[in-house]
Amino acid sequence: MRTPRTQRAPRARLFQRVLAAFVFVAAPRVAWACPVCFGENDSPLALGINYGILAMLGLIVGLWVAFGSFFIHLRRRARLAETGALPPARSARHADADGLQTTEAALHAPHAQGGTV
């Protein structure tokens, strides 16, 4: 016969608590902390950890700055567009500096529309 769920739950919790207590007691002290926690602040590991933390913080700050500056750029462009001071965007309709065929003319070429030349 199967045991009801209500009787299994206290047994499982008791087993988990006993197992956790055994792990805390049986694990060596070295497994619980790094050398920095033991007082070796000048070890190469501690120096590497500090440089790693600084590198990650620098990356995060750089991403925040890039993200914020993008929205500042968008806000400035929106203000310029509202006042009409926004310079016109360079269009593909203008002739190239080399004097080649414009993009608009290339779109109306027969071969661009599926026709034959």
C-alpha atoms as a PDB file:
ATOM      1  CA  MET A   1       0.000   0.000   0.000  1.00  0.00           C
ATOM      2  CA  ARG A   2       1.272   3.459  -0.853  1.00  0.00           C
ATOM      3  CA  THR A   3       1.863   6.039   1.835  1.00  0.00           C
ATOM      4  CA  PRO A   4      -0.203   9.197   1.628  1.00  0.00           C
ATOM      5  CA  ARG A   5       1.463  12.369   0.450  1.00  0.00           C
ATOM      6  CA  THR A   6       0.987  14.057   3.821  1.00  0.00           C
ATOM      7  CA  GLN A   7       3.097  11.387   5.539  1.00  0.00           C
ATOM      8  CA  ARG A   8       5.887  11.523   2.947  1.00  0.00           C
ATOM      9  CA  ALA A   9       6.413  15.295   3.148  1.00  0.00           C
ATOM     10  CA  PRO A  10       7.700  15.398   6.769  1.00  0.00           C
ATOM     11  CA  ARG A  11      10.036  12.469   6.070  1.00  0.00           C
ATOM     12  CA  ALA A  12      11.471  14.200   2.999  1.00  0.00           C
ATOM     13  CA  ARG A  13      12.007  17.448   4.898  1.00  0.00           C
ATOM     14  CA  LEU A  14      13.693  15.579   7.738  1.00  0.00           C
ATOM     15  CA  PHE A  15      15.977  13.784   5.280  1.00  0.00           C
ATOM     16  CA  GLN A  16      16.881  17.097   3.590  1.00  0.00           C
ATOM     17  CA  ARG A  17      17.743  18.683   6.930  1.00  0.00           C
ATOM     18  CA  VAL A  18      19.876  15.733   8.024  1.00  0.00           C
ATOM     19  CA  LEU A  19      21.683  15.703   4.681  1.00  0.00           C
ATOM     20  CA  ALA A  20      22.348  19.458   4.838  1.00  0.00           C
ATOM     21  CA  ALA A  21      23.698  19.151   8.385  1.00  0.00           C
ATOM     22  CA  PHE A  22      25.963  16.296   7.330  1.00  0.00           C
ATOM     23  CA  VAL A  23      27.318  18.309   4.375  1.00  0.00           C
ATOM     24  CA  PHE A  24      28.030  21.328   6.587  1.00  0.00           C
ATOM     25  CA  VAL A  25      29.879  19.225   9.131  1.00  0.00           C
ATOM     26  CA  ALA A  26      31.705  16.892   6.735  1.00  0.00           C
ATOM     27  CA  ALA A  27      32.918  19.470   4.202  1.00  0.00           C
ATOM     28  CA  PRO A  28      36.439  20.766   4.826  1.00  0.00           C
ATOM     29  CA  ARG A  29      36.899  24.393   5.721  1.00  0.00           C
ATOM     30  CA  VAL A  30      38.822  25.079   2.518  1.00  0.00           C
ATOM     31  CA  ALA A  31      35.748  24.220   0.440  1.00  0.00           C
ATOM     32  CA  TRP A  32      33.668  26.976   2.035  1.00  0.00           C
ATOM     33  CA  ALA A  33      35.720  30.061   1.255  1.00  0.00           C
ATOM     34  CA  CYS A  34      38.284  31.512  -1.100  1.00  0.00           C
ATOM     35  CA  PRO A  35      41.712  32.708   0.103  1.00  0.00           C
ATOM     36  CA  VAL A  36      40.386  36.258   0.422  1.00  0.00           C
ATOM     37  CA  CYS A  37      37.924  35.092   3.061  1.00  0.00           C
ATOM     38  CA  PHE A  38      40.764  33.456   4.979  1.00  0.00           C
ATOM     39  CA  GLY A  39      42.698  36.714   5.106  1.00  0.00           C
ATOM     40  CA  GLU A  40      45.106  36.347   2.177  1.00  0.00           C
ATOM     41  CA  ASN A  41      44.233  39.628   0.493  1.00  0.00           C
ATOM     42  CA  ASP A  42      47.538  39.802  -1.377  1.00  0.00           C
ATOM     43  CA  SER A  43      47.266  36.456  -3.145  1.00  0.00           C
ATOM     44  CA  PRO A  44      47.250  36.319  -6.965  1.00  0.00           C
ATOM     45  CA  LEU A  45      43.747  34.867  -6.818  1.00  0.00           C
ATOM     46  CA  ALA A  46      42.448  37.883  -4.924  1.00  0.00           C
ATOM     47  CA  LEU A  47      44.112  40.228  -7.411  1.00  0.00           C
ATOM     48  CA  GLY A  48      42.584  38.342 -10.324  1.00  0.00           C
ATOM     49  CA  ILE A  49      39.162  38.433  -8.724  1.00  0.00           C
ATOM     50  CA  ASN A  50      39.420  42.184  -8.223  1.00  0.00           C
ATOM     51  CA  TYR A  51      40.489  42.769 -11.842  1.00  0.00           C
ATOM     52  CA  GLY A  52      37.653  40.550 -13.045  1.00  0.00           C
ATOM     53  CA  ILE A  53      35.126  42.525 -11.024  1.00  0.00           C
ATOM     54  CA  LEU A  54      36.483  45.806 -12.380  1.00  0.00           C
ATOM     55  CA  ALA A  55      36.336  44.498 -15.951  1.00  0.00           C
ATOM     56  CA  MET A  56      32.716  43.405 -15.559  1.00  0.00           C
ATOM     57  CA  LEU A  57      31.756  46.728 -13.980  1.00  0.00           C
ATOM     58  CA  GLY A  58      33.507  48.590 -16.790  1.00  0.00           C
ATOM     59  CA  LEU A  59      31.588  46.586 -19.371  1.00  0.00           C
ATOM     60  CA  ILE A  60      28.278  47.280 -17.660  1.00  0.00           C
ATOM     61  CA  VAL A  61      28.991  50.993 -17.334  1.00  0.00           C
ATOM     62  CA  GLY A  62      30.007  51.136 -21.003  1.00  0.00           C
ATOM     63  CA  LEU A  63      26.758  49.487 -22.055  1.00  0.00           C
ATOM     64  CA  TRP A  64      24.724  51.872 -19.881  1.00  0.00           C
ATOM     65  CA  VAL A  65      26.509  54.863 -21.412  1.00  0.00           C
ATOM     66  CA  ALA A  66      25.908  53.576 -24.951  1.00  0.00           C
ATOM     67  CA  PHE A  67      22.250  52.858 -24.204  1.00  0.00           C
ATOM     68  CA  GLY A  68      21.694  56.270 -22.624  1.00  0.00           C
ATOM     69  CA  SER A  69      23.529  58.166 -25.357  1.00  0.00           C
ATOM     70  CA  PHE A  70      21.388  56.467 -27.998  1.00  0.00           C
ATOM     71  CA  PHE A  71      18.230  57.810 -26.364  1.00  0.00           C
ATOM     72  CA  ILE A  72      19.801  61.256 -25.978  1.00  0.00           C
ATOM     73  CA  HIS A  73      20.584  61.135 -29.700  1.00  0.00           C
ATOM     74  CA  LEU A  74      16.968  60.186 -30.471  1.00  0.00           C
ATOM     75  CA  ARG A  75      15.653  63.015 -28.288  1.00  0.00           C
ATOM     76  CA  ARG A  76      17.898  65.575 -29.999  1.00  0.00           C
ATOM     77  CA  ARG A  77      16.851  64.371 -33.438  1.00  0.00           C
ATOM     78  CA  ALA A  78      13.182  64.578 -32.430  1.00  0.00           C
ATOM     79  CA  ARG A  79      13.636  68.168 -31.205  1.00  0.00           C
ATOM     80  CA  LEU A  80      15.396  69.129 -34.433  1.00  0.00           C
ATOM     81  CA  ALA A  81      12.639  67.495 -36.478  1.00  0.00           C
ATOM     82  CA  GLU A  82       9.947  69.426 -34.538  1.00  0.00           C
ATOM     83  CA  THR A  83      11.645  72.781 -35.132  1.00  0.00           C
ATOM     84  CA  GLY A  84      12.421  72.034 -38.771  1.00  0.00           C
ATOM     85  CA  ALA A  85      16.151  72.491 -38.235  1.00  0.00           C
ATOM     86  CA  LEU A  86      16.904  68.898 -39.108  1.00  0.00           C
ATOM     87  CA  PRO A  87      19.053  68.784 -42.239  1.00  0.00           C
ATOM     88  CA  PRO A  88      17.543  66.743 -45.051  1.00  0.00           C
ATOM     89  CA  ALA A  89      18.722  63.194 -45.198  1.00  0.00           C
ATOM     90  CA  ARG A  90      20.931  62.288 -48.103  1.00  0.00           C
ATOM     91  CA  SER A  91      18.607  60.584 -50.479  1.00  0.00           C
ATOM     92  CA  ALA A  92      19.381  57.834 -52.932  1.00  0.00           C
ATOM     93  CA  ARG A  93      17.746  60.038 -55.602  1.00  0.00           C
ATOM     94  CA  HIS A  94      20.733  62.391 -55.685  1.00  0.00           C
ATOM     95  CA  ALA A  95      23.409  61.644 -58.223  1.00  0.00           C
ATOM     96  CA  ASP A  96      26.502  59.906 -56.986  1.00  0.00           C
ATOM     97  CA  ALA A  97      29.769  61.788 -56.728  1.00  0.00           C
ATOM     98  CA  ASP A  98      31.177  59.670 -59.547  1.00  0.00           C
ATOM     99  CA  GLY A  99      28.428  60.785 -61.931  1.00  0.00           C
ATOM    100  CA  LEU A 100      27.061  57.266 -62.208  1.00  0.00           C
ATOM    101  CA  GLN A 101      23.456  56.423 -62.763  1.00  0.00           C
ATOM    102  CA  THR A 102      21.202  57.401 -59.864  1.00  0.00           C
ATOM    103  CA  THR A 103      19.329  54.832 -57.870  1.00  0.00           C
ATOM    104  CA  GLU A 104      15.972  56.190 -59.018  1.00  0.00           C
ATOM    105  CA  ALA A 105      16.960  55.782 -62.638  1.00  0.00           C
ATOM    106  CA  ALA A 106      18.223  52.268 -61.929  1.00  0.00           C
ATOM    107  CA  LEU A 107      14.854  51.342 -60.453  1.00  0.00           C
ATOM    108  CA  HIS A 108      13.112  52.375 -63.678  1.00  0.00           C
ATOM    109  CA  ALA A 109      15.448  50.428 -65.914  1.00  0.00           C
ATOM    110  CA  PRO A 110      13.639  47.651 -67.803  1.00  0.00           C
ATOM    111  CA  HIS A 111      15.882  44.925 -66.414  1.00  0.00           C
ATOM    112  CA  ALA A 112      15.159  46.032 -62.837  1.00  0.00           C
ATOM    113  CA  GLN A 113      11.434  45.535 -63.407  1.00  0.00           C
ATOM    114  CA  GLY A 114      11.715  42.087 -64.870  1.00  0.00           C
ATOM    115  CA  GLY A 115      11.775  43.142 -68.535  1.00  0.00           C
ATOM    116  CA  THR A 116      14.450  42.446 -71.080  1.00  0.00           C
ATOM    117  CA  VAL A 117      17.162  44.813 -72.187  1.00  0.00           C
END
